[in-house]
Amino acid sequence: MDDGTRTAESLAAWLHDLHFTDLAEAAATARIVDAVAQWGESRGWRVYRRAPSVFPLPPPLKGHSVLDVACARPGGAQPIAVEVDRLDRQRTVDKLLAEAAEGRLAIWVRWGSGPFRPPPLPVHLVTREAAKAKGGWHTVADLPAPRHSAALEATEAAELPWES
């Protein structure tokens, strides 16, 4: 049985391939929520956006909060509750702890520049690094700098003549 670690690792690998540039914060969050939903759908799970949560809304509001994404898995596998945030919000941790207490695998997707404080178990943390530039948020690429053309590369060091 998966304690949630393999599932969280699978989602982390999926989000590693997600790239965006020059997005406002809300658009970046929406792009990540879309990617989480696509991850669940790619596994054949039923995916629900803005699914009802067991966690109540704060007063004076009535009713229950919603989850960014929920996944129902076949064969009696543990359902998944996912929240996506850029900021470190205690309310999100409390919501995911309540979902875990009800038997759901709770995953918190944090994005941004970090640091990302790990939530208490059994909530699993998945991160996607992003940075803010003048045009908006963009994913941080782990690519090396491009090589310069071979014509510009020095093949052999040579000493220039000394002029006095």
N, C-alpha and C. Protein backbone atom coordinates (compact mmCIF):
# COMPACT_ATOMS: atom_id res chain seq x y z
N MET A 1 0.85 -1.19 0.00
CA MET A 1 0.00 0.00 0.00
C MET A 1 0.89 1.24 0.00
N ASP A 2 0.48 2.23 -0.76
CA ASP A 2 1.21 3.50 -0.87
C ASP A 2 0.81 4.40 0.30
N ASP A 3 1.79 4.84 1.06
CA ASP A 3 1.49 5.76 2.16
C ASP A 3 1.30 7.19 1.64
N GLY A 4 1.36 7.36 0.35
CA GLY A 4 1.22 8.68 -0.28
C GLY A 4 2.51 9.18 -0.88
N THR A 5 3.62 8.60 -0.44
CA THR A 5 4.93 9.07 -0.93
C THR A 5 5.08 8.84 -2.42
N ARG A 6 4.75 7.64 -2.89
CA ARG A 6 4.89 7.36 -4.34
C ARG A 6 3.93 8.21 -5.16
N THR A 7 2.74 8.41 -4.66
CA THR A 7 1.77 9.24 -5.38
C THR A 7 2.26 10.68 -5.45
N ALA A 8 2.76 11.20 -4.34
CA ALA A 8 3.29 12.57 -4.33
C ALA A 8 4.50 12.68 -5.26
N GLU A 9 5.35 11.67 -5.28
CA GLU A 9 6.52 11.68 -6.19
C GLU A 9 6.07 11.66 -7.64
N SER A 10 5.02 10.92 -7.94
CA SER A 10 4.48 10.88 -9.30
C SER A 10 3.98 12.26 -9.72
N LEU A 11 3.26 12.93 -8.84
CA LEU A 11 2.77 14.27 -9.14
C LEU A 11 3.94 15.25 -9.29
N ALA A 12 4.95 15.13 -8.44
CA ALA A 12 6.12 16.01 -8.53
C ALA A 12 6.81 15.84 -9.88
N ALA A 13 6.95 14.61 -10.35
CA ALA A 13 7.57 14.36 -11.65
C ALA A 13 6.73 14.97 -12.76
N TRP A 14 5.41 14.86 -12.66
CA TRP A 14 4.51 15.43 -13.66
C TRP A 14 4.67 16.96 -13.70
N LEU A 15 4.69 17.58 -12.52
CA LEU A 15 4.79 19.04 -12.46
C LEU A 15 6.17 19.55 -12.86
N HIS A 16 7.19 18.70 -12.75
CA HIS A 16 8.53 19.10 -13.18
C HIS A 16 8.54 19.45 -14.67
N ASP A 17 7.69 18.79 -15.43
CA ASP A 17 7.60 19.05 -16.87
C ASP A 17 6.69 20.22 -17.23
N LEU A 18 6.09 20.84 -16.23
CA LEU A 18 5.22 22.00 -16.45
C LEU A 18 6.08 23.26 -16.55
N HIS A 19 5.87 24.02 -17.61
CA HIS A 19 6.62 25.28 -17.78
C HIS A 19 5.65 26.39 -18.15
N PHE A 20 5.91 27.58 -17.61
CA PHE A 20 5.14 28.75 -18.00
C PHE A 20 6.01 29.99 -17.84
N THR A 21 5.63 31.04 -18.56
CA THR A 21 6.36 32.32 -18.49
C THR A 21 5.37 33.47 -18.45
N ASP A 22 5.77 34.50 -17.75
CA ASP A 22 5.04 35.78 -17.70
C ASP A 22 3.57 35.63 -17.35
N LEU A 23 3.28 34.86 -16.30
CA LEU A 23 1.90 34.71 -15.85
C LEU A 23 1.68 35.48 -14.55
N ALA A 24 0.50 36.05 -14.43
CA ALA A 24 0.09 36.64 -13.15
C ALA A 24 -0.07 35.50 -12.15
N GLU A 25 -0.07 35.83 -10.86
CA GLU A 25 -0.15 34.80 -9.82
C GLU A 25 -1.37 33.90 -9.98
N ALA A 26 -2.54 34.49 -10.22
CA ALA A 26 -3.76 33.68 -10.36
C ALA A 26 -3.68 32.77 -11.58
N ALA A 27 -3.11 33.27 -12.68
CA ALA A 27 -2.98 32.46 -13.89
C ALA A 27 -1.99 31.32 -13.69
N ALA A 28 -0.91 31.58 -12.95
CA ALA A 28 0.07 30.52 -12.67
C ALA A 28 -0.56 29.44 -11.79
N THR A 29 -1.30 29.86 -10.78
CA THR A 29 -1.99 28.88 -9.93
C THR A 29 -2.98 28.06 -10.76
N ALA A 30 -3.73 28.71 -11.63
CA ALA A 30 -4.69 28.00 -12.48
C ALA A 30 -3.98 27.01 -13.40
N ARG A 31 -2.82 27.39 -13.92
CA ARG A 31 -2.06 26.49 -14.80
C ARG A 31 -1.61 25.25 -14.02
N ILE A 32 -1.21 25.44 -12.77
CA ILE A 32 -0.78 24.31 -11.95
C ILE A 32 -1.97 23.43 -11.59
N VAL A 33 -3.10 24.03 -11.26
CA VAL A 33 -4.32 23.25 -10.97
C VAL A 33 -4.70 22.43 -12.21
N ASP A 34 -4.63 23.04 -13.39
CA ASP A 34 -4.91 22.30 -14.63
C ASP A 34 -3.97 21.10 -14.79
N ALA A 35 -2.69 21.32 -14.49
CA ALA A 35 -1.70 20.24 -14.62
C ALA A 35 -1.99 19.11 -13.63
N VAL A 36 -2.40 19.46 -12.41
CA VAL A 36 -2.75 18.43 -11.42
C VAL A 36 -3.95 17.62 -11.92
N ALA A 37 -4.95 18.30 -12.47
CA ALA A 37 -6.12 17.60 -13.00
C ALA A 37 -5.72 16.69 -14.17
N GLN A 38 -4.85 17.16 -15.05
CA GLN A 38 -4.38 16.33 -16.17
C GLN A 38 -3.62 15.11 -15.67
N TRP A 39 -2.84 15.29 -14.61
CA TRP A 39 -2.11 14.17 -14.00
C TRP A 39 -3.09 13.09 -13.55
N GLY A 40 -4.13 13.48 -12.84
CA GLY A 40 -5.13 12.51 -12.38
C GLY A 40 -5.85 11.84 -13.54
N GLU A 41 -6.24 12.64 -14.54
CA GLU A 41 -6.94 12.10 -15.70
C GLU A 41 -6.05 11.13 -16.47
N SER A 42 -4.74 11.42 -16.54
CA SER A 42 -3.83 10.55 -17.28
C SER A 42 -3.72 9.17 -16.64
N ARG A 43 -4.09 9.05 -15.38
CA ARG A 43 -4.06 7.78 -14.67
C ARG A 43 -5.41 7.07 -14.69
N GLY A 44 -6.37 7.68 -15.34
CA GLY A 44 -7.70 7.07 -15.44
C GLY A 44 -8.58 7.31 -14.23
N TRP A 45 -8.23 8.27 -13.40
CA TRP A 45 -9.02 8.57 -12.21
C TRP A 45 -10.12 9.56 -12.55
N ARG A 46 -11.17 9.56 -11.75
CA ARG A 46 -12.19 10.60 -11.86
C ARG A 46 -11.64 11.82 -11.14
N VAL A 47 -11.65 12.94 -11.83
CA VAL A 47 -11.05 14.18 -11.30
C VAL A 47 -12.15 15.22 -11.10
N TYR A 48 -12.13 15.85 -9.95
CA TYR A 48 -13.10 16.88 -9.60
C TYR A 48 -12.36 18.16 -9.23
N ARG A 49 -12.73 19.25 -9.87
CA ARG A 49 -12.18 20.56 -9.52
C ARG A 49 -13.17 21.22 -8.58
N ARG A 50 -12.62 21.98 -7.65
CA ARG A 50 -13.45 22.67 -6.65
C ARG A 50 -14.42 21.69 -5.98
N ALA A 51 -13.86 20.57 -5.57
CA ALA A 51 -14.63 19.52 -4.91
C ALA A 51 -14.94 19.94 -3.47
N PRO A 52 -16.09 19.54 -2.95
CA PRO A 52 -16.42 19.87 -1.57
C PRO A 52 -15.40 19.27 -0.60
N SER A 53 -15.03 20.05 0.39
CA SER A 53 -14.11 19.61 1.44
C SER A 53 -14.91 19.33 2.71
N VAL A 54 -14.30 18.55 3.60
CA VAL A 54 -14.92 18.32 4.91
C VAL A 54 -14.66 19.50 5.84
N PHE A 55 -13.76 20.38 5.44
CA PHE A 55 -13.34 21.49 6.28
C PHE A 55 -14.34 22.65 6.19
N PRO A 56 -14.81 23.15 7.33
CA PRO A 56 -15.80 24.24 7.30
C PRO A 56 -15.18 25.57 6.87
N LEU A 57 -16.02 26.42 6.29
CA LEU A 57 -15.60 27.78 5.96
C LEU A 57 -15.44 28.57 7.25
N PRO A 58 -14.59 29.59 7.25
CA PRO A 58 -14.42 30.39 8.46
C PRO A 58 -15.65 31.28 8.70
N PRO A 59 -15.97 31.55 9.99
CA PRO A 59 -17.11 32.43 10.29
C PRO A 59 -16.84 33.82 9.71
N PRO A 60 -17.79 34.54 9.29
CA PRO A 60 -19.23 34.30 9.43
C PRO A 60 -19.82 33.46 8.30
N LEU A 61 -18.97 32.94 7.41
CA LEU A 61 -19.46 32.12 6.30
C LEU A 61 -19.98 30.79 6.82
N LYS A 62 -20.90 30.21 6.06
CA LYS A 62 -21.47 28.92 6.44
C LYS A 62 -21.19 27.92 5.32
N GLY A 63 -21.13 26.67 5.68
CA GLY A 63 -20.89 25.63 4.70
C GLY A 63 -19.46 25.12 4.79
N HIS A 64 -19.03 24.51 3.70
CA HIS A 64 -17.71 23.89 3.69
C HIS A 64 -16.84 24.49 2.60
N SER A 65 -15.56 24.42 2.84
CA SER A 65 -14.56 24.88 1.90
C SER A 65 -14.54 23.94 0.68
N VAL A 66 -13.73 24.27 -0.32
CA VAL A 66 -13.57 23.42 -1.49
C VAL A 66 -12.09 23.09 -1.67
N LEU A 67 -11.84 21.97 -2.35
CA LEU A 67 -10.48 21.55 -2.69
C LEU A 67 -10.20 21.99 -4.13
N ASP A 68 -8.95 22.31 -4.41
CA ASP A 68 -8.59 22.66 -5.78
C ASP A 68 -8.83 21.48 -6.71
N VAL A 69 -8.38 20.30 -6.30
CA VAL A 69 -8.56 19.08 -7.10
C VAL A 69 -8.78 17.91 -6.15
N ALA A 70 -9.72 17.04 -6.52
CA ALA A 70 -9.91 15.78 -5.80
C ALA A 70 -9.93 14.67 -6.85
N CYS A 71 -9.36 13.54 -6.50
CA CYS A 71 -9.31 12.40 -7.42
C CYS A 71 -9.90 11.17 -6.74
N ALA A 72 -10.83 10.52 -7.44
CA ALA A 72 -11.37 9.25 -6.97
C ALA A 72 -10.68 8.16 -7.77
N ARG A 73 -10.11 7.21 -7.05
CA ARG A 73 -9.37 6.13 -7.71
C ARG A 73 -10.14 4.83 -7.61
N PRO A 74 -10.06 4.00 -8.64
CA PRO A 74 -10.83 2.74 -8.64
C PRO A 74 -10.26 1.70 -7.68
N GLY A 75 -11.04 0.68 -7.46
CA GLY A 75 -10.58 -0.46 -6.69
C GLY A 75 -10.43 -0.20 -5.21
N GLY A 76 -11.15 0.76 -4.69
CA GLY A 76 -11.06 1.06 -3.27
C GLY A 76 -9.79 1.78 -2.85
N ALA A 77 -9.03 2.27 -3.83
CA ALA A 77 -7.81 3.03 -3.49
C ALA A 77 -8.22 4.34 -2.83
N GLN A 78 -7.36 4.78 -1.94
CA GLN A 78 -7.59 6.00 -1.18
C GLN A 78 -7.82 7.20 -2.11
N PRO A 79 -8.90 7.97 -1.92
CA PRO A 79 -9.10 9.19 -2.71
C PRO A 79 -7.99 10.19 -2.40
N ILE A 80 -7.80 11.15 -3.31
CA ILE A 80 -6.74 12.14 -3.17
C ILE A 80 -7.35 13.53 -3.08
N ALA A 81 -6.85 14.33 -2.14
CA ALA A 81 -7.24 15.73 -1.97
C ALA A 81 -6.01 16.59 -2.21
N VAL A 82 -6.12 17.56 -3.14
CA VAL A 82 -4.97 18.39 -3.49
C VAL A 82 -5.32 19.86 -3.36
N GLU A 83 -4.45 20.59 -2.72
CA GLU A 83 -4.55 22.05 -2.64
C GLU A 83 -3.31 22.64 -3.29
N VAL A 84 -3.47 23.75 -4.01
CA VAL A 84 -2.36 24.42 -4.70
C VAL A 84 -2.26 25.85 -4.15
N ASP A 85 -1.07 26.20 -3.64
CA ASP A 85 -0.85 27.54 -3.06
C ASP A 85 0.55 28.03 -3.36
N ARG A 86 0.67 29.34 -3.51
CA ARG A 86 2.00 29.95 -3.55
C ARG A 86 2.44 30.30 -2.13
N LEU A 87 1.51 30.73 -1.33
CA LEU A 87 1.83 31.18 0.03
C LEU A 87 1.68 30.05 1.04
N ASP A 88 2.38 30.20 2.16
CA ASP A 88 2.31 29.24 3.27
C ASP A 88 1.10 29.62 4.12
N ARG A 89 0.01 28.87 3.95
CA ARG A 89 -1.24 29.20 4.64
C ARG A 89 -1.60 28.11 5.64
N GLN A 90 -1.73 28.48 6.89
CA GLN A 90 -2.11 27.51 7.93
C GLN A 90 -3.49 26.92 7.65
N ARG A 91 -4.38 27.73 7.10
CA ARG A 91 -5.73 27.23 6.80
C ARG A 91 -5.66 26.07 5.80
N THR A 92 -4.74 26.14 4.83
CA THR A 92 -4.59 25.05 3.87
C THR A 92 -4.11 23.78 4.58
N VAL A 93 -3.15 23.94 5.48
CA VAL A 93 -2.66 22.78 6.24
C VAL A 93 -3.79 22.17 7.05
N ASP A 94 -4.56 23.01 7.73
CA ASP A 94 -5.69 22.52 8.53
C ASP A 94 -6.70 21.78 7.66
N LYS A 95 -6.98 22.33 6.48
CA LYS A 95 -7.93 21.68 5.57
C LYS A 95 -7.42 20.31 5.13
N LEU A 96 -6.14 20.24 4.77
CA LEU A 96 -5.59 18.96 4.32
C LEU A 96 -5.48 17.95 5.46
N LEU A 97 -5.20 18.41 6.66
CA LEU A 97 -5.20 17.51 7.82
C LEU A 97 -6.60 16.95 8.06
N ALA A 98 -7.62 17.77 7.87
CA ALA A 98 -9.00 17.30 8.03
C ALA A 98 -9.34 16.28 6.94
N GLU A 99 -8.87 16.52 5.73
CA GLU A 99 -9.11 15.56 4.64
C GLU A 99 -8.41 14.23 4.94
N ALA A 100 -7.18 14.30 5.43
CA ALA A 100 -6.44 13.08 5.77
C ALA A 100 -7.15 12.31 6.89
N ALA A 101 -7.69 13.03 7.86
CA ALA A 101 -8.41 12.39 8.96
C ALA A 101 -9.65 11.65 8.46
N GLU A 102 -10.17 12.06 7.32
CA GLU A 102 -11.33 11.39 6.71
C GLU A 102 -10.93 10.28 5.74
N GLY A 103 -9.62 9.98 5.70
CA GLY A 103 -9.16 8.85 4.90
C GLY A 103 -8.66 9.19 3.51
N ARG A 104 -8.48 10.48 3.23
CA ARG A 104 -7.98 10.87 1.92
C ARG A 104 -6.47 11.07 1.95
N LEU A 105 -5.84 10.82 0.83
CA LEU A 105 -4.41 11.11 0.70
C LEU A 105 -4.31 12.61 0.43
N ALA A 106 -3.67 13.35 1.32
CA ALA A 106 -3.63 14.80 1.24
C ALA A 106 -2.29 15.27 0.67
N ILE A 107 -2.37 16.07 -0.42
CA ILE A 107 -1.17 16.60 -1.07
C ILE A 107 -1.29 18.11 -1.18
N TRP A 108 -0.23 18.78 -0.74
CA TRP A 108 -0.17 20.23 -0.83
C TRP A 108 0.87 20.60 -1.88
N VAL A 109 0.42 21.19 -2.97
CA VAL A 109 1.32 21.66 -4.02
C VAL A 109 1.64 23.11 -3.73
N ARG A 110 2.90 23.36 -3.41
CA ARG A 110 3.38 24.73 -3.17
C ARG A 110 4.23 25.13 -4.36
N TRP A 111 4.07 26.35 -4.81
CA TRP A 111 4.87 26.85 -5.92
C TRP A 111 5.39 28.23 -5.58
N GLY A 112 6.45 28.61 -6.26
CA GLY A 112 7.07 29.92 -6.03
C GLY A 112 8.55 29.76 -5.80
N SER A 113 9.10 30.74 -5.10
CA SER A 113 10.56 30.75 -4.91
C SER A 113 10.99 30.14 -3.59
N GLY A 114 10.05 29.70 -2.78
CA GLY A 114 10.40 29.07 -1.51
C GLY A 114 10.92 30.08 -0.51
N PRO A 115 11.38 29.65 0.63
CA PRO A 115 11.50 28.25 1.05
C PRO A 115 10.11 27.66 1.30
N PHE A 116 10.04 26.34 1.18
CA PHE A 116 8.78 25.62 1.36
C PHE A 116 8.85 24.82 2.65
N ARG A 117 8.18 25.32 3.66
CA ARG A 117 8.15 24.65 4.97
C ARG A 117 7.31 23.39 4.85
N PRO A 118 7.85 22.24 5.22
CA PRO A 118 7.07 21.01 5.10
C PRO A 118 5.90 21.00 6.07
N PRO A 119 4.74 20.55 5.60
CA PRO A 119 3.59 20.44 6.49
C PRO A 119 3.72 19.20 7.37
N PRO A 120 2.92 19.12 8.41
CA PRO A 120 2.97 17.92 9.24
C PRO A 120 2.41 16.72 8.48
N LEU A 121 2.96 15.55 8.77
CA LEU A 121 2.42 14.33 8.19
C LEU A 121 1.05 14.08 8.78
N PRO A 122 0.14 13.55 8.05
CA PRO A 122 0.29 12.81 6.81
C PRO A 122 0.13 13.65 5.54
N VAL A 123 0.21 14.98 5.62
CA VAL A 123 0.12 15.81 4.43
C VAL A 123 1.45 15.72 3.68
N HIS A 124 1.37 15.47 2.37
CA HIS A 124 2.57 15.36 1.53
C HIS A 124 2.77 16.67 0.78
N LEU A 125 4.02 17.09 0.70
CA LEU A 125 4.37 18.33 0.02
C LEU A 125 4.96 18.04 -1.35
N VAL A 126 4.44 18.74 -2.37
CA VAL A 126 4.99 18.70 -3.72
C VAL A 126 5.28 20.16 -4.08
N THR A 127 6.47 20.43 -4.61
CA THR A 127 6.83 21.82 -4.93
C THR A 127 7.10 21.99 -6.41
N ARG A 128 6.88 23.21 -6.88
CA ARG A 128 7.26 23.60 -8.24
C ARG A 128 7.85 24.99 -8.15
N GLU A 129 9.17 25.05 -8.37
CA GLU A 129 9.86 26.34 -8.26
C GLU A 129 9.46 27.27 -9.39
N ALA A 130 9.29 28.53 -9.03
CA ALA A 130 8.99 29.58 -9.99
C ALA A 130 9.58 30.87 -9.44
N ALA A 131 9.86 31.79 -10.33
CA ALA A 131 10.42 33.08 -9.94
C ALA A 131 9.58 34.19 -10.56
N LYS A 132 9.62 35.33 -9.92
CA LYS A 132 8.89 36.48 -10.44
C LYS A 132 9.86 37.41 -11.13
N ALA A 133 9.53 37.75 -12.35
CA ALA A 133 10.30 38.72 -13.12
C ALA A 133 9.36 39.88 -13.44
N LYS A 134 9.87 40.87 -14.14
CA LYS A 134 9.04 42.05 -14.42
C LYS A 134 7.77 41.71 -15.18
N GLY A 135 7.80 40.67 -16.00
CA GLY A 135 6.63 40.30 -16.78
C GLY A 135 5.67 39.39 -16.04
N GLY A 136 6.05 38.82 -14.93
CA GLY A 136 5.19 37.91 -14.18
C GLY A 136 5.96 36.70 -13.71
N TRP A 137 5.24 35.67 -13.33
CA TRP A 137 5.85 34.45 -12.81
C TRP A 137 6.28 33.54 -13.95
N HIS A 138 7.41 32.87 -13.75
CA HIS A 138 7.88 31.88 -14.73
C HIS A 138 8.53 30.73 -13.99
N THR A 139 8.45 29.55 -14.58
CA THR A 139 9.07 28.39 -13.96
C THR A 139 10.58 28.52 -14.05
N VAL A 140 11.24 27.95 -13.08
CA VAL A 140 12.70 27.98 -13.03
C VAL A 140 13.20 26.76 -13.78
N ALA A 141 13.96 26.99 -14.82
CA ALA A 141 14.49 25.88 -15.63
C ALA A 141 15.84 25.45 -15.08
N ASP A 142 16.07 24.18 -15.11
CA ASP A 142 17.35 23.64 -14.65
C ASP A 142 18.25 23.34 -15.84
N LEU A 143 18.15 24.14 -16.87
CA LEU A 143 18.95 23.91 -18.06
C LEU A 143 20.28 24.63 -17.97
N PRO A 144 21.33 24.04 -18.50
CA PRO A 144 22.62 24.74 -18.52
C PRO A 144 22.57 25.89 -19.52
N ALA A 145 23.48 26.83 -19.36
CA ALA A 145 23.55 27.94 -20.30
C ALA A 145 23.90 27.39 -21.68
N PRO A 146 23.37 28.02 -22.73
CA PRO A 146 23.67 27.51 -24.07
C PRO A 146 25.15 27.67 -24.40
N ARG A 147 25.64 26.73 -25.20
CA ARG A 147 27.04 26.79 -25.64
C ARG A 147 27.16 27.85 -26.72
N HIS A 148 28.30 28.51 -26.74
CA HIS A 148 28.57 29.47 -27.81
C HIS A 148 29.02 28.70 -29.04
N SER A 149 28.96 29.33 -30.17
CA SER A 149 29.33 28.63 -31.39
C SER A 149 30.80 28.24 -31.36
N ALA A 150 31.12 27.19 -32.06
CA ALA A 150 32.50 26.69 -32.09
C ALA A 150 33.45 27.71 -32.68
N ALA A 151 32.96 28.58 -33.57
CA ALA A 151 33.82 29.59 -34.20
C ALA A 151 34.34 30.58 -33.17
N LEU A 152 33.58 30.79 -32.10
CA LEU A 152 34.00 31.77 -31.11
C LEU A 152 34.81 31.16 -29.98
N GLU A 153 34.82 29.84 -29.90
CA GLU A 153 35.55 29.20 -28.82
C GLU A 153 37.04 29.15 -29.13
N ALA A 154 37.84 29.43 -28.13
CA ALA A 154 39.29 29.34 -28.30
C ALA A 154 39.69 27.88 -28.22
N THR A 155 40.46 27.43 -29.17
CA THR A 155 40.89 26.04 -29.15
C THR A 155 42.24 25.90 -28.49
N GLU A 156 43.04 26.95 -28.54
CA GLU A 156 44.38 26.89 -27.98
C GLU A 156 44.73 28.27 -27.45
N ALA A 157 45.30 28.32 -26.29
CA ALA A 157 45.72 29.60 -25.76
C ALA A 157 46.99 30.05 -26.46
N ALA A 158 47.02 31.32 -26.83
CA ALA A 158 48.22 31.85 -27.48
C ALA A 158 48.60 33.15 -26.82
N GLU A 159 49.85 33.41 -26.73
CA GLU A 159 50.31 34.64 -26.11
C GLU A 159 50.46 35.69 -27.20
N LEU A 160 49.91 36.85 -26.91
CA LEU A 160 50.05 37.96 -27.87
C LEU A 160 51.44 38.56 -27.74
N PRO A 161 51.98 39.12 -28.84
CA PRO A 161 53.30 39.73 -28.75
C PRO A 161 53.28 40.96 -27.85
N TRP A 162 54.34 41.13 -27.15
CA TRP A 162 54.47 42.26 -26.22
C TRP A 162 54.92 43.48 -27.00
N GLU A 163 54.18 44.56 -26.84
CA GLU A 163 54.56 45.80 -27.49
C GLU A 163 55.02 46.77 -26.42
N SER A 164 56.17 47.37 -26.64
CA SER A 164 56.64 48.33 -25.64
C SER A 164 56.53 49.74 -26.10
